[in-house]
N, C-alpha and C. Protein backbone atom coordinates (compact mmCIF):
# COMPACT_ATOMS: atom_id res chain seq x y z
N GLN A 1 1.52 -23.34 5.21
CA GLN A 1 0.35 -22.44 5.25
C GLN A 1 0.15 -21.02 5.25
N LEU A 2 1.17 -20.29 5.47
CA LEU A 2 1.34 -19.32 6.09
C LEU A 2 0.38 -17.95 5.48
N GLU A 3 0.01 -16.94 6.50
CA GLU A 3 -0.74 -16.25 5.58
C GLU A 3 -0.14 -14.98 6.61
N THR A 4 -0.55 -13.69 5.66
CA THR A 4 -0.62 -12.49 6.48
C THR A 4 -1.93 -12.41 6.91
N LEU A 5 -1.95 -11.76 8.18
CA LEU A 5 -2.65 -11.52 8.95
C LEU A 5 -3.25 -10.05 9.11
N GLU A 6 -1.88 -9.13 9.13
CA GLU A 6 -1.89 -7.94 9.26
C GLU A 6 -0.86 -7.10 8.82
N GLN A 7 -0.63 -5.78 8.03
CA GLN A 7 0.54 -5.62 7.92
C GLN A 7 0.83 -4.04 7.48
N GLU A 8 1.37 -3.58 8.02
CA GLU A 8 1.32 -1.90 8.20
C GLU A 8 2.70 -1.23 7.36
N GLU A 9 2.14 -0.17 6.25
CA GLU A 9 3.57 0.22 5.64
C GLU A 9 3.31 1.75 5.73
N GLN A 10 4.59 2.13 6.13
CA GLN A 10 4.65 3.99 6.17
C GLN A 10 5.40 4.65 5.55
N GLU A 11 5.28 5.42 4.42
CA GLU A 11 6.33 6.11 3.91
C GLU A 11 6.40 7.61 4.17
N ARG A 12 7.30 8.15 4.44
CA ARG A 12 7.18 9.58 4.64
C ARG A 12 8.08 10.60 3.70
N LEU A 13 8.41 11.47 3.01
CA LEU A 13 9.28 12.37 1.76
C LEU A 13 9.05 13.48 2.60
N GLU A 14 9.85 14.33 3.08
CA GLU A 14 10.34 15.42 3.45
C GLU A 14 11.04 16.30 2.24
N LEU A 15 10.68 17.45 1.19
CA LEU A 15 11.05 17.76 0.34
C LEU A 15 10.69 19.14 0.54
N ARG A 16 12.11 19.27 1.20
CA ARG A 16 12.11 20.98 1.40
C ARG A 16 10.63 21.55 2.36
N ALA A 17 10.10 21.96 1.55
CA ALA A 17 8.97 22.69 3.23
C ALA A 17 7.50 21.71 2.30
N HIS A 18 7.53 20.69 2.02
CA HIS A 18 6.55 19.99 1.45
C HIS A 18 6.81 18.20 2.21
N THR A 19 6.10 18.07 2.68
CA THR A 19 6.03 16.15 3.12
C THR A 19 4.58 15.60 2.65
N VAL A 20 5.21 14.64 2.20
CA VAL A 20 4.35 13.55 1.44
C VAL A 20 4.36 12.42 2.48
N GLU A 21 3.36 12.39 2.98
CA GLU A 21 3.10 10.71 3.96
C GLU A 21 1.89 9.82 3.27
N ARG A 22 2.59 8.38 3.28
CA ARG A 22 1.70 7.24 2.38
C ARG A 22 2.09 6.13 3.48
N ARG A 23 0.53 5.60 3.62
CA ARG A 23 0.45 4.65 4.90
C ARG A 23 -0.59 3.58 4.14
N THR A 24 -0.16 2.36 4.10
CA THR A 24 -1.06 1.07 3.91
C THR A 24 -0.90 -0.11 4.74
N HIS A 25 -2.65 0.23 5.03
CA HIS A 25 -2.90 -1.13 5.91
C HIS A 25 -3.51 -2.21 5.37
N MET A 26 -2.88 -3.27 5.85
CA MET A 26 -3.82 -4.31 5.20
C MET A 26 -3.86 -5.49 6.50
N VAL A 27 -5.26 -5.86 6.58
CA VAL A 27 -6.08 -6.88 7.62
C VAL A 27 -7.05 -8.01 6.96
N SER A 28 -6.43 -9.29 7.59
CA SER A 28 -7.08 -10.42 6.96
C SER A 28 -8.43 -10.33 7.45
N HIS A 29 -9.76 -10.68 6.96
CA HIS A 29 -10.84 -11.06 7.59
C HIS A 29 -11.20 -12.23 7.57
N GLN A 30 -12.37 -12.50 7.77
CA GLN A 30 -13.17 -13.92 7.34
C GLN A 30 -13.15 -14.11 5.89
N HIS A 31 -13.57 -12.85 5.60
CA HIS A 31 -13.68 -13.01 3.76
C HIS A 31 -13.10 -12.61 2.91
N GLY A 32 -11.98 -12.26 3.42
CA GLY A 32 -10.82 -12.04 1.88
C GLY A 32 -9.68 -11.13 3.38
N MET A 33 -9.51 -9.86 2.54
CA MET A 33 -8.39 -9.06 3.18
C MET A 33 -9.01 -7.52 2.67
N THR A 34 -8.95 -6.67 3.22
CA THR A 34 -9.03 -5.15 3.40
C THR A 34 -7.72 -4.31 3.76
N VAL A 35 -7.57 -3.77 2.24
CA VAL A 35 -6.56 -2.83 2.37
C VAL A 35 -7.26 -1.18 2.28
N THR A 36 -6.19 -0.29 2.97
CA THR A 36 -6.74 0.86 3.10
C THR A 36 -5.69 1.96 3.04
N LYS A 37 -5.67 2.66 2.30
CA LYS A 37 -4.61 3.53 1.93
C LYS A 37 -4.44 4.87 1.76
N THR A 38 -3.43 5.60 2.89
CA THR A 38 -3.77 6.97 3.23
C THR A 38 -2.60 7.81 2.85
N LEU A 39 -3.07 9.01 2.10
CA LEU A 39 -2.24 9.94 1.24
C LEU A 39 -2.21 11.20 2.04
N ARG A 40 -1.03 11.73 2.49
CA ARG A 40 -1.10 12.99 3.27
C ARG A 40 -0.23 13.97 2.34
N GLU A 41 -0.56 14.96 2.14
CA GLU A 41 0.55 16.01 1.10
C GLU A 41 0.95 17.66 1.92
N GLY A 42 1.60 17.57 2.42
CA GLY A 42 1.56 19.37 3.45
C GLY A 42 0.78 19.14 4.27
N GLU A 43 -0.29 20.34 4.71
CA GLU A 43 -1.01 20.24 5.55
C GLU A 43 -2.26 19.93 4.90
N ALA A 44 -2.40 19.41 4.00
CA ALA A 44 -3.87 18.87 3.68
C ALA A 44 -4.61 17.96 4.20
N GLU A 45 -5.41 18.02 4.48
CA GLU A 45 -6.82 16.94 4.99
C GLU A 45 -6.14 15.31 4.23
N PRO A 46 -6.45 14.53 5.20
CA PRO A 46 -5.59 12.82 4.14
C PRO A 46 -6.54 12.63 3.43
N GLN A 47 -6.37 12.16 2.62
CA GLN A 47 -6.95 11.25 1.75
C GLN A 47 -7.31 9.76 1.57
N CYS A 48 -8.07 9.27 1.85
CA CYS A 48 -8.19 7.52 1.98
C CYS A 48 -8.91 6.98 0.79
N TRP A 49 -8.49 5.65 0.68
CA TRP A 49 -9.18 4.44 0.11
C TRP A 49 -9.28 3.45 0.51
N SER A 50 -9.57 2.19 0.26
CA SER A 50 -10.07 1.51 0.82
C SER A 50 -10.16 0.47 -0.14
N PHE A 51 -10.21 -0.83 -0.40
CA PHE A 51 -10.03 -2.04 -0.94
C PHE A 51 -10.38 -3.12 0.13
N SER A 52 -11.53 -4.10 -0.79
CA SER A 52 -11.64 -5.38 -0.33
C SER A 52 -11.71 -6.23 -1.38
N TYR A 53 -10.92 -7.35 -1.24
CA TYR A 53 -10.58 -8.55 -2.03
C TYR A 53 -10.84 -10.08 -1.55
N GLY A 54 -11.61 -10.67 -1.92
CA GLY A 54 -12.13 -12.06 -1.50
C GLY A 54 -11.09 -12.96 -1.42
N ARG A 55 -11.27 -13.76 -0.75
CA ARG A 55 -9.99 -15.13 -0.44
C ARG A 55 -9.90 -15.74 -1.65
N ASP A 56 -10.74 -16.07 -2.83
CA ASP A 56 -9.94 -16.83 -3.54
C ASP A 56 -9.37 -16.09 -4.72
N LYS A 57 -9.29 -14.75 -4.82
CA LYS A 57 -8.38 -13.87 -5.46
C LYS A 57 -6.90 -13.43 -4.59
N ILE A 58 -6.75 -13.88 -3.34
CA ILE A 58 -6.01 -13.42 -2.59
C ILE A 58 -5.09 -14.54 -2.02
N ARG A 59 -5.42 -15.61 -2.76
CA ARG A 59 -4.75 -16.93 -2.12
C ARG A 59 -3.72 -16.81 -2.85
N GLY A 60 -2.69 -16.91 -2.16
CA GLY A 60 -1.22 -17.12 -2.46
C GLY A 60 -0.41 -15.73 -2.23
N LEU A 61 -0.90 -14.86 -2.06
CA LEU A 61 -0.69 -13.33 -1.49
C LEU A 61 0.14 -12.86 -1.17
N LEU A 62 1.28 -12.21 -1.85
CA LEU A 62 2.71 -12.44 -1.44
C LEU A 62 2.75 -10.65 -1.01
N PRO A 63 2.44 -10.05 -0.06
CA PRO A 63 2.81 -8.41 0.45
C PRO A 63 4.51 -8.29 0.24
N GLU A 64 4.61 -7.11 0.83
CA GLU A 64 5.86 -6.55 0.65
C GLU A 64 7.04 -7.59 1.60
N GLY A 65 6.15 -7.44 3.19
CA GLY A 65 6.89 -8.24 3.97
C GLY A 65 7.39 -9.48 3.61
N ALA A 66 6.51 -10.27 3.38
CA ALA A 66 6.75 -11.91 2.72
C ALA A 66 7.44 -12.03 1.67
N SER A 67 7.32 -10.99 0.58
CA SER A 67 7.93 -10.85 -0.44
C SER A 67 9.86 -10.45 -0.15
N LEU A 68 9.81 -10.05 1.08
CA LEU A 68 11.42 -9.76 1.56
C LEU A 68 12.05 -11.01 1.73
N LEU A 69 11.35 -11.64 2.65
CA LEU A 69 11.57 -13.03 3.02
C LEU A 69 11.61 -14.42 2.10
N LEU A 70 10.93 -14.23 0.98
CA LEU A 70 11.06 -14.93 0.03
C LEU A 70 12.31 -14.86 -0.88
N LEU A 71 12.77 -13.24 -1.09
CA LEU A 71 13.87 -13.05 -1.60
C LEU A 71 15.38 -13.57 -0.73
N ARG A 72 14.75 -13.72 0.52
CA ARG A 72 16.59 -13.88 0.90
C ARG A 72 16.47 -15.51 1.04
N VAL A 73 15.49 -16.20 0.70
CA VAL A 73 15.34 -17.66 0.99
C VAL A 73 15.87 -18.01 -0.50
N LEU A 74 15.42 -17.56 -1.34
CA LEU A 74 15.95 -17.82 -2.82
C LEU A 74 17.17 -17.23 -3.09
N ALA A 75 17.67 -16.51 -2.28
CA ALA A 75 19.15 -15.93 -2.38
C ALA A 75 20.01 -16.69 -2.03
N CYS A 76 19.58 -17.50 -0.89
CA CYS A 76 20.12 -18.96 0.15
C CYS A 76 19.94 -20.08 -1.00
N GLN A 77 19.21 -20.11 -1.32
CA GLN A 77 19.08 -21.34 -2.46
C GLN A 77 19.90 -20.99 -3.40
N GLN A 78 20.53 -19.97 -4.16
CA GLN A 78 20.44 -19.47 -4.66
C GLN A 78 20.34 -20.24 -6.46
N ALA A 79 18.99 -20.15 -6.25
CA ALA A 79 18.12 -20.45 -7.34
C ALA A 79 16.34 -19.82 -7.44
N VAL A 80 16.34 -19.75 -8.69
CA VAL A 80 14.69 -19.17 -8.81
C VAL A 80 14.12 -20.33 -9.78
N PRO A 81 12.91 -20.78 -8.93
CA PRO A 81 12.12 -21.94 -9.60
C PRO A 81 11.16 -21.06 -10.89
N SER A 82 11.29 -21.63 -12.23
CA SER A 82 10.89 -21.03 -13.42
C SER A 82 9.22 -21.02 -13.22
N GLY A 83 8.65 -19.64 -13.39
CA GLY A 83 6.98 -19.72 -13.14
C GLY A 83 6.51 -19.07 -11.93
N LEU A 84 7.39 -18.64 -11.06
CA LEU A 84 6.95 -17.99 -9.66
C LEU A 84 6.39 -16.75 -9.86
N ILE A 85 5.01 -17.06 -9.49
CA ILE A 85 4.24 -15.75 -9.81
C ILE A 85 3.06 -15.97 -8.51
N PHE A 86 3.17 -14.70 -7.78
CA PHE A 86 2.15 -14.27 -6.55
C PHE A 86 1.35 -13.55 -7.11
N PRO A 87 0.44 -13.54 -6.43
CA PRO A 87 -0.30 -12.53 -6.72
C PRO A 87 -0.34 -11.11 -5.47
N ALA A 88 -0.24 -10.17 -5.57
CA ALA A 88 0.28 -9.28 -5.04
C ALA A 88 -0.33 -7.71 -4.85
N ILE A 89 -0.29 -6.97 -3.73
CA ILE A 89 -0.87 -5.30 -3.66
C ILE A 89 -0.09 -4.42 -4.63
N ASP A 90 -0.41 -3.52 -5.12
CA ASP A 90 0.60 -2.61 -6.01
C ASP A 90 0.64 -1.40 -4.97
N THR A 91 1.47 -0.56 -5.06
CA THR A 91 1.51 1.06 -4.38
C THR A 91 0.25 1.70 -4.38
N GLU A 92 -0.49 1.18 -5.38
CA GLU A 92 -2.12 2.13 -4.85
C GLU A 92 -2.91 1.30 -4.51
N GLY A 93 -2.73 0.24 -4.14
CA GLY A 93 -3.77 -0.95 -3.44
C GLY A 93 -4.40 -1.44 -3.78
N HIS A 94 -3.85 -1.74 -5.36
CA HIS A 94 -4.73 -3.00 -6.46
C HIS A 94 -3.97 -3.97 -6.54
N LEU A 95 -4.71 -4.91 -6.50
CA LEU A 95 -4.46 -6.17 -6.85
C LEU A 95 -3.43 -6.31 -8.22
N CYS A 96 -2.62 -6.99 -8.24
CA CYS A 96 -1.59 -7.47 -9.47
C CYS A 96 -0.74 -8.58 -9.09
N THR A 97 0.07 -9.30 -9.71
CA THR A 97 1.09 -10.15 -9.42
C THR A 97 2.26 -9.76 -9.85
N SER A 98 2.99 -10.54 -8.99
CA SER A 98 4.77 -10.40 -8.52
C SER A 98 5.15 -11.97 -9.27
N SER A 99 6.22 -11.47 -10.20
CA SER A 99 6.94 -12.47 -10.78
C SER A 99 8.40 -12.58 -10.37
N TYR A 100 9.15 -13.55 -10.40
CA TYR A 100 10.37 -13.65 -9.80
C TYR A 100 11.04 -14.52 -10.79
């Protein structure tokens, strides 16, 4: 019964004089999970988006940190069970599926 309570991701790209910074913050709460995405390009004001998902939609959610852990376990076992599919959050913060 493992559950993600909170996760923070940060990505920063520096391309000559142009910088792009992306942050994703996921936090679990009583009714489900809220995902907040922040994008900042150069010196512009940051843009923010927030998405909330109910518990029924995120049951079995596999965020990026948990996915890396699962991949290591599967590599140690040298086997991937067929039909291994989980709900996940894509790079835009939307609900999608992840299959192995």
